[in-house]
Amino acid sequence: MHEKIAGGAPVSRQGNPFQIGTLAEGAAFADRAAEVAQLRRTWETPGAKLVLYGDRRMGKTAAMHAAAALSRRARRRVVIVNLATAVDGPDAVRRLVTAVRGAVGRTWKTVVQDLAAKLRLTLSLTPSADGIGLPGIQLAIEPSSSGPRPGLFTDALDAIEAELAKRRLTLGLGLDEFQRLLAWGGEDVEWALKASLERHRHLSYVLAGSSRSLIEEMVTGRHRALWKAVDTLPLGPIPEAEFAAWIVALSRPSAVPLTRATADAVVAMAGPRTRDVVQLAGAVWEDARSRGGPGNPARARDALVATADALYFRLWEGGTDRERRLLRALAGEPEIEPTSTAARERYGLGAPSTVAKALSALVAREVLARGGSRYVFDDPFFRRWVQLSGATA
């Protein structure tokens, strides 16, 4: 099924085909054909705007890059800006301008200067090596007035739209973790962003983010700026049967093909987050290679947990006693209702209001997540660590 994305059959490989920590591309990208098609349509329709959101480690960034690659093959201009680690508004503008540079081409120096004038910024350009054949430019942007302005990023978008219109160009723009903009300007940035989206006809937008509850409020709340202003694409789990079939297909040309039964066990044990499933599949592949046989998912999972012992211990120690009691309860009894009388008495959790406060803190720290009406571990391997460490005893 990955042939839909890769454009051809996977090549044979001797190494582990299941890798994390790098962008999944080609056959290594788990099939998201419908989502990729919608992302591509958005970028190839000037003025279109789509919000892509879902839980962390679900594959949003990989889907965006897969769609962008297909659009670029069709000679469409698409750039993706990652705002996840931007420290402030000027840093976000730096990333935006640098990313757009490659799509604009050799006239970039003039474009940068025009943008700086429109944004009232002090801009320094320093020649540097460039790997894509364009004159290298390093940007150092500081507001020329006193202090940063909350609307700096949307002002930059407006300036880029104006430059594209002047050059009769269109551009597909992806803003990954776009909700970070609110950290620098609050809801004022939301309304400024809406105004820009409504005016722009040469930019098309995919706004992606992993703060699911926040983004759901942004696009469904009647009092929020993006309500009915954008199309939405929630990215949920890959259906288990499809994911298992993908694991089998990706491993088939490798030195250690995995069976369907093994793949089913991997998905059931590590799901629903895409990255977690791929990580466990890789560990099972290594287990099968070193020991022979089909691979043992439970043994491979526990080996993964052991390698992260120090990390998980710090995570455990970083909580309060009540939070640790809650984690112990949910690791041992996933279906338990933490605020029930039985749970509070069994695990010494205290009053319902105190339990609710601890649950909210664990969700805020992304240790727990809401799974329907239940609270679940964000990381299934941390849940297993709690079980193995004896914390559930």
Protein backbone atom coordinates (compact mmCIF):
# COMPACT_ATOMS: atom_id res chain seq x y z
CA MET A 1 0.00 0.00 0.00
CA HIS A 2 2.93 2.33 0.41
CA GLU A 3 3.41 2.23 -3.36
CA LYS A 4 0.70 4.94 -3.56
CA ILE A 5 3.09 7.30 -1.80
CA ALA A 6 6.43 6.00 -2.91
CA GLY A 7 5.52 5.80 -6.59
CA GLY A 8 7.04 2.34 -6.96
CA ALA A 9 7.90 -0.90 -5.21
CA PRO A 10 10.23 -0.72 -2.23
CA VAL A 11 13.81 -1.67 -2.82
CA SER A 12 15.40 -4.64 -1.10
CA ARG A 13 17.45 -3.75 1.98
CA GLN A 14 19.50 -5.69 4.50
CA GLY A 15 19.22 -3.16 7.31
CA ASN A 16 16.30 -2.50 9.60
CA PRO A 17 13.53 -0.92 7.48
CA PHE A 18 11.79 0.59 10.51
CA GLN A 19 13.55 3.80 11.49
CA ILE A 20 12.53 6.67 13.76
CA GLY A 21 14.17 10.04 14.34
CA THR A 22 14.31 10.88 10.63
CA LEU A 23 11.59 11.99 8.25
CA ALA A 24 9.70 8.99 6.86
CA GLU A 25 9.84 9.11 3.07
CA GLY A 26 9.04 6.81 0.17
CA ALA A 27 8.25 3.24 1.15
CA ALA A 28 9.13 4.04 4.79
CA PHE A 29 6.14 6.39 4.97
CA ALA A 30 3.08 4.57 6.31
CA ASP A 31 0.25 5.00 3.83
CA ARG A 32 -1.88 8.14 4.31
CA ALA A 33 -3.13 8.31 0.73
CA ALA A 34 -6.39 10.19 1.36
CA GLU A 35 -4.79 12.70 3.72
CA VAL A 36 -1.83 13.30 1.41
CA ALA A 37 -4.20 13.87 -1.51
CA GLN A 38 -6.14 16.49 0.47
CA LEU A 39 -2.96 18.27 1.55
CA ARG A 40 -1.76 18.33 -2.02
CA ARG A 41 -5.07 19.74 -3.30
CA THR A 42 -4.86 22.49 -0.70
CA TRP A 43 -1.36 23.54 -1.67
CA GLU A 44 -2.20 23.48 -5.38
CA THR A 45 -5.29 25.70 -4.94
CA PRO A 46 -4.26 29.35 -4.46
CA GLY A 47 -6.09 30.90 -1.53
CA ALA A 48 -7.01 27.54 0.04
CA LYS A 49 -6.50 27.03 3.77
CA LEU A 50 -6.52 23.83 5.81
CA VAL A 51 -5.83 23.06 9.47
CA LEU A 52 -4.22 19.64 10.00
CA TYR A 53 -4.19 18.49 13.60
CA GLY A 54 -3.93 15.43 15.81
CA ASP A 55 -1.95 13.88 18.63
CA ARG A 56 1.84 13.93 18.71
CA ARG A 57 3.73 11.14 16.94
CA MET A 58 0.80 10.49 14.61
CA GLY A 59 2.66 11.34 11.40
CA LYS A 60 1.49 14.88 10.56
CA THR A 61 4.90 16.18 9.54
CA ALA A 62 5.65 13.12 7.39
CA ALA A 63 2.27 13.46 5.65
CA MET A 64 2.95 17.12 4.93
CA HIS A 65 6.34 16.38 3.42
CA ALA A 66 4.96 13.49 1.35
CA ALA A 67 2.30 15.78 -0.12
CA ALA A 68 4.81 18.57 -0.69
CA ALA A 69 7.12 16.20 -2.58
CA LEU A 70 4.29 15.21 -4.92
CA SER A 71 3.33 18.85 -5.52
CA ARG A 72 6.93 19.78 -6.27
CA ARG A 73 7.14 16.96 -8.81
CA ALA A 74 4.16 18.62 -10.49
CA ARG A 75 6.22 21.85 -10.60
CA ARG A 76 4.30 23.59 -7.82
CA ARG A 77 6.10 25.73 -5.27
CA VAL A 78 5.65 24.42 -1.72
CA VAL A 79 7.62 25.22 1.43
CA ILE A 80 7.18 23.98 4.99
CA VAL A 81 8.24 26.05 8.00
CA ASN A 82 8.70 24.30 11.34
CA LEU A 83 7.78 26.62 14.21
CA ALA A 84 8.15 23.96 16.93
CA THR A 85 11.45 25.29 18.26
CA ALA A 86 11.13 28.96 17.31
CA VAL A 87 11.87 31.03 20.40
CA ASP A 88 9.98 34.22 19.54
CA GLY A 89 8.29 36.17 16.76
CA PRO A 90 11.46 37.44 15.07
CA ASP A 91 12.89 33.90 15.08
CA ALA A 92 9.69 32.62 13.46
CA VAL A 93 9.97 35.32 10.79
CA ARG A 94 13.58 34.32 10.16
CA ARG A 95 12.48 30.74 9.57
CA LEU A 96 9.64 31.81 7.32
CA VAL A 97 11.75 34.10 5.17
CA THR A 98 14.60 31.59 4.88
CA ALA A 99 12.21 28.79 3.84
CA VAL A 100 10.43 30.90 1.23
CA ARG A 101 13.79 31.88 -0.21
CA GLY A 102 14.28 28.57 -2.04
CA ALA A 103 10.92 28.88 -3.79
CA VAL A 104 11.48 32.45 -4.94
CA GLY A 105 14.87 31.77 -6.53
CA ARG A 106 17.72 34.00 -7.52
CA THR A 107 15.78 37.23 -7.00
CA TRP A 108 15.70 36.47 -3.28
CA LYS A 109 18.04 39.23 -2.15
CA THR A 110 15.73 41.87 -3.62
CA VAL A 111 12.70 40.16 -2.10
CA VAL A 112 14.31 40.10 1.36
CA GLN A 113 15.16 43.77 1.13
CA ASP A 114 11.59 44.61 0.09
CA LEU A 115 10.22 42.56 2.97
CA ALA A 116 12.51 44.28 5.44
CA ALA A 117 11.32 47.68 4.27
CA LYS A 118 7.67 46.70 4.53
CA LEU A 119 8.11 45.17 7.98
CA ARG A 120 10.27 48.02 9.30
CA LEU A 121 13.03 45.58 10.23
CA THR A 122 16.79 45.93 10.44
CA LEU A 123 18.17 43.20 8.21
CA SER A 124 21.73 41.98 7.70
CA LEU A 125 22.65 39.70 4.80
CA THR A 126 25.81 37.63 5.03
CA PRO A 127 27.06 35.50 2.10
CA SER A 128 27.29 31.82 3.05
CA ALA A 129 27.58 28.42 1.43
CA ASP A 130 24.30 27.08 0.03
CA GLY A 131 23.55 23.48 -0.90
CA ILE A 132 20.84 24.15 -3.48
CA GLY A 133 22.70 26.37 -5.92
CA LEU A 134 21.31 29.73 -4.76
CA PRO A 135 23.33 32.60 -3.33
CA GLY A 136 23.63 31.84 0.36
CA ILE A 137 22.10 34.31 2.78
CA GLN A 138 22.12 34.32 6.56
CA LEU A 139 19.46 36.46 8.16
CA ALA A 140 19.74 38.42 11.37
CA ILE A 141 16.42 40.17 11.93
CA GLU A 142 15.78 42.55 14.78
CA PRO A 143 12.82 44.92 15.04
CA SER A 144 13.99 48.44 14.32
CA SER A 145 11.41 49.88 16.72
CA SER A 146 11.43 49.27 20.47
CA GLY A 147 10.43 45.69 21.24
CA PRO A 148 8.79 42.97 19.13
CA ARG A 149 5.26 43.41 17.78
CA PRO A 150 2.65 40.68 18.21
CA GLY A 151 1.62 40.91 14.54
CA LEU A 152 5.14 40.61 13.16
CA PHE A 153 4.61 37.12 11.71
CA THR A 154 1.32 37.94 10.00
CA ASP A 155 2.86 41.16 8.70
CA ALA A 156 5.55 38.97 7.11
CA LEU A 157 2.88 36.77 5.53
CA ASP A 158 1.18 39.86 4.10
CA ALA A 159 4.48 41.09 2.70
CA ILE A 160 5.21 37.72 1.09
CA GLU A 161 1.71 37.68 -0.45
CA ALA A 162 2.36 41.13 -1.92
CA GLU A 163 5.70 40.04 -3.39
CA LEU A 164 4.12 36.92 -4.91
CA ALA A 165 1.33 38.99 -6.44
CA LYS A 166 3.86 41.41 -7.93
CA ARG A 167 5.77 38.51 -9.50
CA ARG A 168 2.60 36.63 -10.51
CA LEU A 169 3.65 33.57 -8.53
CA THR A 170 1.77 31.23 -6.22
CA LEU A 171 3.13 29.35 -3.22
CA GLY A 172 1.90 26.55 -0.99
CA LEU A 173 2.96 27.23 2.60
CA GLY A 174 2.95 24.74 5.47
CA LEU A 175 3.29 26.06 9.02
CA ASP A 176 4.12 23.14 11.31
CA GLU A 177 3.10 23.67 14.97
CA PHE A 178 1.43 26.92 13.96
CA GLN A 179 -0.28 27.22 17.37
CA ARG A 180 3.09 28.40 18.69
CA LEU A 181 2.20 31.80 17.24
CA LEU A 182 -0.27 32.27 20.09
CA ALA A 183 2.60 32.14 22.59
CA TRP A 184 3.91 35.41 21.16
CA GLY A 185 0.67 37.30 20.68
CA GLY A 186 -2.29 35.46 22.16
CA GLU A 187 -5.68 35.59 20.47
CA ASP A 188 -4.72 38.84 18.74
CA VAL A 189 -2.47 36.73 16.51
CA GLU A 190 -5.41 34.43 15.71
CA TRP A 191 -7.50 37.33 14.44
CA ALA A 192 -4.58 38.79 12.50
CA LEU A 193 -3.95 35.37 10.96
CA LYS A 194 -7.61 35.07 9.95
CA ALA A 195 -7.48 38.48 8.29
CA SER A 196 -4.38 37.46 6.33
CA LEU A 197 -5.86 34.13 5.27
CA GLU A 198 -8.99 35.85 3.97
CA ARG A 199 -7.01 38.36 1.89
CA HIS A 200 -4.35 36.10 0.41
CA ARG A 201 -4.89 34.75 -3.10
CA HIS A 202 -1.33 33.79 -4.04
CA LEU A 203 -0.56 31.80 -0.88
CA SER A 204 -2.32 28.57 0.08
CA TYR A 205 -1.95 27.33 3.63
CA VAL A 206 -1.68 24.10 5.59
CA LEU A 207 -1.59 24.99 9.29
CA ALA A 208 -0.52 21.91 11.24
CA GLY A 209 -0.34 21.34 14.98
CA SER A 210 -0.22 18.68 17.68
CA SER A 211 -1.91 20.57 20.53
CA ARG A 212 -5.15 18.82 19.69
CA SER A 213 -7.43 20.27 22.35
CA LEU A 214 -6.21 23.82 21.75
CA ILE A 215 -6.57 23.55 17.98
CA GLU A 216 -10.00 21.94 18.23
CA GLU A 217 -11.08 24.93 20.31
CA MET A 218 -9.55 27.31 17.74
CA VAL A 219 -11.48 25.82 14.82
CA THR A 220 -14.76 24.86 16.55
CA GLY A 221 -15.22 27.61 19.14
CA ARG A 222 -17.75 30.16 17.91
CA HIS A 223 -15.84 32.96 19.62
CA ARG A 224 -12.49 32.00 18.05
CA ALA A 225 -11.08 33.57 14.90
CA LEU A 226 -10.70 30.41 12.80
CA TRP A 227 -14.27 29.17 13.30
CA LYS A 228 -15.68 28.43 9.83
CA ALA A 229 -12.67 30.22 8.32
CA VAL A 230 -10.64 27.13 7.37
CA ASP A 231 -11.09 23.55 6.23
CA THR A 232 -10.02 20.99 8.83
CA LEU A 233 -8.32 17.61 8.62
CA PRO A 234 -8.08 15.70 11.91
CA LEU A 235 -5.32 13.09 11.64
CA GLY A 236 -6.28 10.00 13.61
CA PRO A 237 -4.69 6.58 13.94
CA ILE A 238 -4.02 4.47 10.86
CA PRO A 239 -6.53 1.57 10.86
CA GLU A 240 -4.92 -1.38 12.61
CA ALA A 241 -5.34 -3.83 9.71
CA GLU A 242 -3.81 -1.37 7.24
CA PHE A 243 -0.91 -0.61 9.56
CA ALA A 244 -0.16 -4.30 10.10
CA ALA A 245 -0.25 -4.92 6.35
CA TRP A 246 2.18 -2.02 5.85
CA ILE A 247 4.59 -3.52 8.42
CA VAL A 248 4.54 -6.85 6.60
CA ALA A 249 5.02 -5.22 3.19
CA LEU A 250 7.91 -2.99 4.33
CA SER A 251 9.73 -5.88 5.98
CA ARG A 252 9.23 -8.36 3.12
CA PRO A 253 12.27 -7.31 1.01
CA SER A 254 14.48 -7.03 4.10
CA ALA A 255 16.69 -9.69 5.64
CA VAL A 256 14.01 -10.47 8.24
CA PRO A 257 10.42 -10.47 6.92
CA LEU A 258 7.84 -10.15 9.70
CA THR A 259 4.69 -12.27 9.75
CA ARG A 260 1.17 -10.85 9.80
CA ALA A 261 0.60 -12.29 13.28
CA THR A 262 3.70 -10.48 14.53
CA ALA A 263 2.65 -7.25 12.86
CA ASP A 264 -0.83 -7.48 14.38
CA ALA A 265 0.73 -7.91 17.83
CA VAL A 266 3.01 -4.89 17.29
CA VAL A 267 0.11 -2.61 16.34
CA ALA A 268 -2.05 -3.81 19.24
CA MET A 269 0.78 -3.39 21.75
CA ALA A 270 2.19 -0.01 20.66
CA GLY A 271 -0.78 1.76 19.07
CA PRO A 272 -2.31 4.11 18.27
CA ARG A 273 0.56 6.60 17.67
CA THR A 274 2.34 5.99 14.37
CA ARG A 275 5.84 6.62 15.71
CA ASP A 276 5.38 4.22 18.63
CA VAL A 277 4.26 1.42 16.30
CA VAL A 278 7.20 1.98 13.96
CA GLN A 279 9.60 2.05 16.91
CA LEU A 280 8.33 -1.27 18.25
CA ALA A 281 8.33 -2.80 14.76
CA GLY A 282 12.00 -1.88 14.49
CA ALA A 283 12.75 -3.46 17.86
CA VAL A 284 10.89 -6.64 16.87
CA TRP A 285 12.84 -6.75 13.60
CA GLU A 286 16.11 -6.57 15.56
CA ASP A 287 14.85 -9.25 17.96
CA ALA A 288 14.01 -11.54 15.04
CA ARG A 289 17.36 -10.90 13.37
CA SER A 290 19.41 -11.62 16.48
CA ARG A 291 17.44 -14.61 17.77
CA GLY A 292 15.83 -16.07 14.66
CA GLY A 293 12.16 -16.84 14.32
CA PRO A 294 9.35 -14.33 13.81
CA GLY A 295 10.40 -11.95 16.61
CA ASN A 296 8.79 -11.55 19.99
CA PRO A 297 6.89 -8.24 20.38
CA ALA A 298 6.63 -8.46 24.19
CA ARG A 299 10.34 -9.17 24.59
CA ALA A 300 11.25 -6.41 22.12
CA ARG A 301 8.99 -3.94 23.92
CA ASP A 302 10.60 -4.67 27.27
CA ALA A 303 14.05 -4.24 25.73
CA LEU A 304 12.97 -0.82 24.45
CA VAL A 305 11.72 0.10 27.90
CA ALA A 306 15.01 -0.95 29.49
CA THR A 307 17.02 1.33 27.20
CA ALA A 308 14.89 4.30 28.33
CA ASP A 309 15.09 3.51 32.05
CA ALA A 310 16.91 6.71 33.04
CA LEU A 311 14.52 8.90 31.03
CA TYR A 312 11.45 7.24 32.50
CA PHE A 313 12.84 7.41 36.03
CA ARG A 314 13.26 11.19 35.68
CA LEU A 315 9.73 11.44 34.34
CA TRP A 316 8.44 9.43 37.32
CA GLU A 317 10.43 11.45 39.83
CA GLY A 318 9.25 14.72 38.27
CA GLY A 319 5.69 14.21 39.50
CA THR A 320 4.11 14.62 42.90
CA ASP A 321 3.29 11.68 45.15
CA ARG A 322 -0.37 11.89 44.14
CA GLU A 323 0.53 11.97 40.44
CA ARG A 324 2.67 8.86 40.91
CA ARG A 325 -0.21 7.12 42.66
CA LEU A 326 -2.43 7.98 39.71
CA LEU A 327 0.11 6.62 37.24
CA ARG A 328 0.40 3.45 39.28
CA ALA A 329 -3.37 3.03 39.22
CA LEU A 330 -3.71 3.59 35.47
CA ALA A 331 -0.75 1.37 34.63
CA GLY A 332 -2.23 -1.51 36.59
CA GLU A 333 -5.89 -0.92 35.71
CA PRO A 334 -6.28 0.99 32.44
CA GLU A 335 -10.08 0.93 32.61
CA ILE A 336 -10.27 2.41 36.09
CA GLU A 337 -12.10 5.69 36.75
CA PRO A 338 -9.57 7.62 38.88
CA THR A 339 -12.16 9.81 40.61
CA SER A 340 -14.36 6.90 41.65
CA THR A 341 -14.64 6.02 45.32
CA ALA A 342 -13.17 2.56 44.74
CA ALA A 343 -10.09 3.90 42.93
CA ARG A 344 -9.47 6.67 45.42
CA GLU A 345 -9.67 4.29 48.38
CA ARG A 346 -7.61 1.54 46.73
CA TYR A 347 -4.75 3.81 45.73
CA GLY A 348 -4.99 6.54 48.38
CA LEU A 349 -5.70 9.28 45.84
CA GLY A 350 -7.57 11.71 48.07
CA ALA A 351 -10.61 13.85 47.34
CA PRO A 352 -12.16 13.95 43.84
CA SER A 353 -11.14 17.59 43.33
CA THR A 354 -7.54 16.74 44.22
CA VAL A 355 -7.53 13.81 41.81
CA ALA A 356 -8.94 16.01 39.04
CA LYS A 357 -6.20 18.57 39.64
CA ALA A 358 -3.49 15.90 39.44
CA LEU A 359 -4.99 14.47 36.25
CA SER A 360 -5.01 17.93 34.67
CA ALA A 361 -1.36 18.41 35.61
CA LEU A 362 -0.37 15.07 34.06
CA VAL A 363 -2.24 15.92 30.87
CA ALA A 364 -0.59 19.36 30.76
CA ARG A 365 2.83 17.67 31.08
CA GLU A 366 1.77 15.26 28.27
CA VAL A 367 2.32 12.24 30.51
CA LEU A 368 -1.35 11.32 30.19
CA ALA A 369 -3.81 11.96 27.38
CA ARG A 370 -7.55 11.73 27.07
CA GLY A 371 -8.61 8.57 25.25
CA GLY A 372 -12.35 9.03 24.85
CA SER A 373 -13.81 8.99 28.34
CA ARG A 374 -10.62 7.52 29.85
CA TYR A 375 -7.17 8.76 30.74
CA VAL A 376 -4.37 6.85 29.02
CA PHE A 377 -0.59 7.00 29.02
CA ASP A 378 0.70 9.24 26.24
CA ASP A 379 3.68 6.86 25.89
CA PRO A 380 2.78 3.15 26.00
CA PHE A 381 6.38 2.28 26.80
CA PHE A 382 6.32 4.49 29.90
CA ARG A 383 3.22 2.63 31.05
CA ARG A 384 5.15 -0.62 30.69
CA TRP A 385 8.06 0.90 32.63
CA VAL A 386 5.70 1.70 35.51
CA GLN A 387 4.53 -1.91 35.47
CA LEU A 388 8.04 -3.40 35.27
CA SER A 389 9.49 -1.09 37.91
CA GLY A 390 7.19 -2.49 40.53
CA ALA A 391 5.40 0.83 40.90
CA THR A 392 2.05 -0.91 40.42
CA ALA A 393 2.62 -3.32 43.29
